[in-house]
Amino acid sequence: MSVRSAAALLPLLGDRDLDAPLAWRHGAPISARQYLADVAQLSAGLPAAGPVVNLCVDRYAFSVGLGAALVRGLPSLLPPDARQDTLARLREGHPDVFAVADDRQLQAHGIPVVWIDPREHAPVAAGVPEMPLVNAEAHAVSLLTSGSTGLPQPHAKSWRTLVGDVAAAVPRLAGLLDLPSLAGLNLVTTVPVQHSYGLESSALLGLLGGAAFDSGRPFFPADVAAALAGMPRPRALVTTPFHLKNLLLAGIELPPVDLILSATAPLSPQLAAQAEQALSAVLIEIYGSTESGQVATRRTTASEIWHTFGAIQVRAEQDEAGGERYVFSGDFVPQPTPMADVLELVDAQRFRLFGRANDLIHVAGRRSSLGHLNYHLNSIPGVLDGAFWLPDDVADGVVRPVAFVVAPSLGAAHIIAALRRRLEPVFVPRRVVSVTALPREGTGKLTVRALREFALAQLAGDGTAVQVTRDVPSDHPAFAGHFPGQPLLPGALLLSEVLEAVQSVPALIARLGASPTLAAAKFLAPVRPGSTLRIALQPEPGSSRGVRFEVECGGEVAVTGRWTAAAEQGA
């Protein structure tokens, strides 16, 4: 590591008692002193070059992996999942990439792994440990969150930016608890630590903000309640609207907490009030983005107004298309950052949030947002979860919204009647589809891509076309033999991808049966490594039980054909 000025270095841990808990596992504390020993031991065994893909599930193991990478001067890549196509993207352009992980069942898909056992700890030396110093300006982490489109995009952060992010949040949160600092505050978090909100509001609040975090990630309501009960007070629940609603609907006894943090989607005032009453806590929503970090808060039961952290300011400016966008700057935000939301500014540090800019919809000349519609749908008593979706097709010149709901005790007519009391008539759905669950991610986020594919799959039973997107990994073993120097995906494997897409849609399985027959196939263009396949599946009309397919790759149609039910073979 080159010689740097002291001004360019920042400590790995914020100011804290090294013998106080930094983390908890199953009710047992892990001190900051132990953490420094574990980081020193792991960092000594890491490869010299990186970057590091941090795939740890245990929050303490993740933090040790993050700290060890920082000490070695290696950036950490934080993907939204460990799927094969996600990891294939991370390998591209990074010949020295390796992973740190704690789950031995994990498939790293060709990436070398340094394993961490969070139950084993390094010996702690006597005396005062030397605090590791981190290059403040170097690339510390890249957050690869899925965003609303479902396609992971990297967002690089320096250690100075992350330190400033936490430094701006701590006074606000400590003030709400009437405490001088967050020392002694214990966090239980339902959000993955690889997510920007999960990173900022759990691991970093521990490392830099003086709090302590539970190493687990409870998901089911009983597990959340047990994790909270196992932590001493003051304690906080870090969660999302989706997880919070499920927790309150579970009907189980909940231990009191001192603070609830919620983010990833706006929370309704009704749900916020229920949460504060059920958990005897103050609930605070956090607003931000992966690009900017957390930039504002509001107490939902007290006001709809958001207030920025520290010296952060927001302004309106004209975008390239002539519309208006809202830009946050100042304090730890390294450069002016526009948000993908529609705001109403009260002043330079206060605003109202109306919804995402790409959520805005127009139906029969009227304007609203999907966030606004979903808010009212989920406010109906008995609706456990719900989402509006706008189909691609237009009937009578008007797009007709469809509502998908998880509401076992309610019929469609009841939901439509309730929405008529809340929405303008043009936004009341003509169709309400009852489902058992929506395809949400671990953070509770419902991406545009996931909802579209889910909606088309649900509607396929009435003849609606289905589109499924699949990625072809660059290192697929078939490319080695087909053909050296000019690799392409064999036709049999391409048809296998189509069949897997068919079998991912319940309505198409019902139409074709468990063992459909390939009736026809025509290959029109090659499929190369790293391609994205867009598979269109069209149920045939009338009494036919066939499904026609078309696979597009790189703007060209690669293959067309038809699957039929086994009974049609030879017809």
Foldseek 3Di string as FASTA:
>chain_A
DDDDDPVQKDFQFADEDQQAFLADEPLRGDGNLQLVQLLVVVLVPDDLAAAEEEPEQFQSQSLSVLSSCQLSLHAYEQALHQDQLRLLVVCVPTVHYAYEYADPVDDNNPHHYDYDPVVDTGDRDDDDDDTRIGRQAGFRYWQQDLPQARGTDTATDGNLLLLQLLVLVFVVVCVLLVHPFQAAEEEAEQFGCSHLQNVNVANSCSRYGNHHYYRHRDQQLVSSQVVVVSGDPQYEYEAEQLSLLRNLVVPDQHEAHAEYEYEDADDALVSLVSSCVRRVYFYKYWDDDPNFGTFWIDRSNPDQKIFGTDPKWKDWDADPVRHIWIWIDDGSRPDIDTAQFDWADPDGGMIGTQGGVVQWDAWPRDIHGQSLVQNQLVVDPQFSHKGKDWDPDADPNGTAIEMETAGVVDDPVVSLVSVVVPDDPRNRHPYYHYDNDAPARSRRDHHPVRRQQVVQLSPVLVFRKHKDKDWAAQVPVQQPVCPVPFGFDDPVVVVVVQVVSQVVRVSLCVLAPPDWDFPDKDFDDTHHHGWMKIKMWTQDDDPFSKIWIWIDTPNRTGMIGMIGHPVPVPD
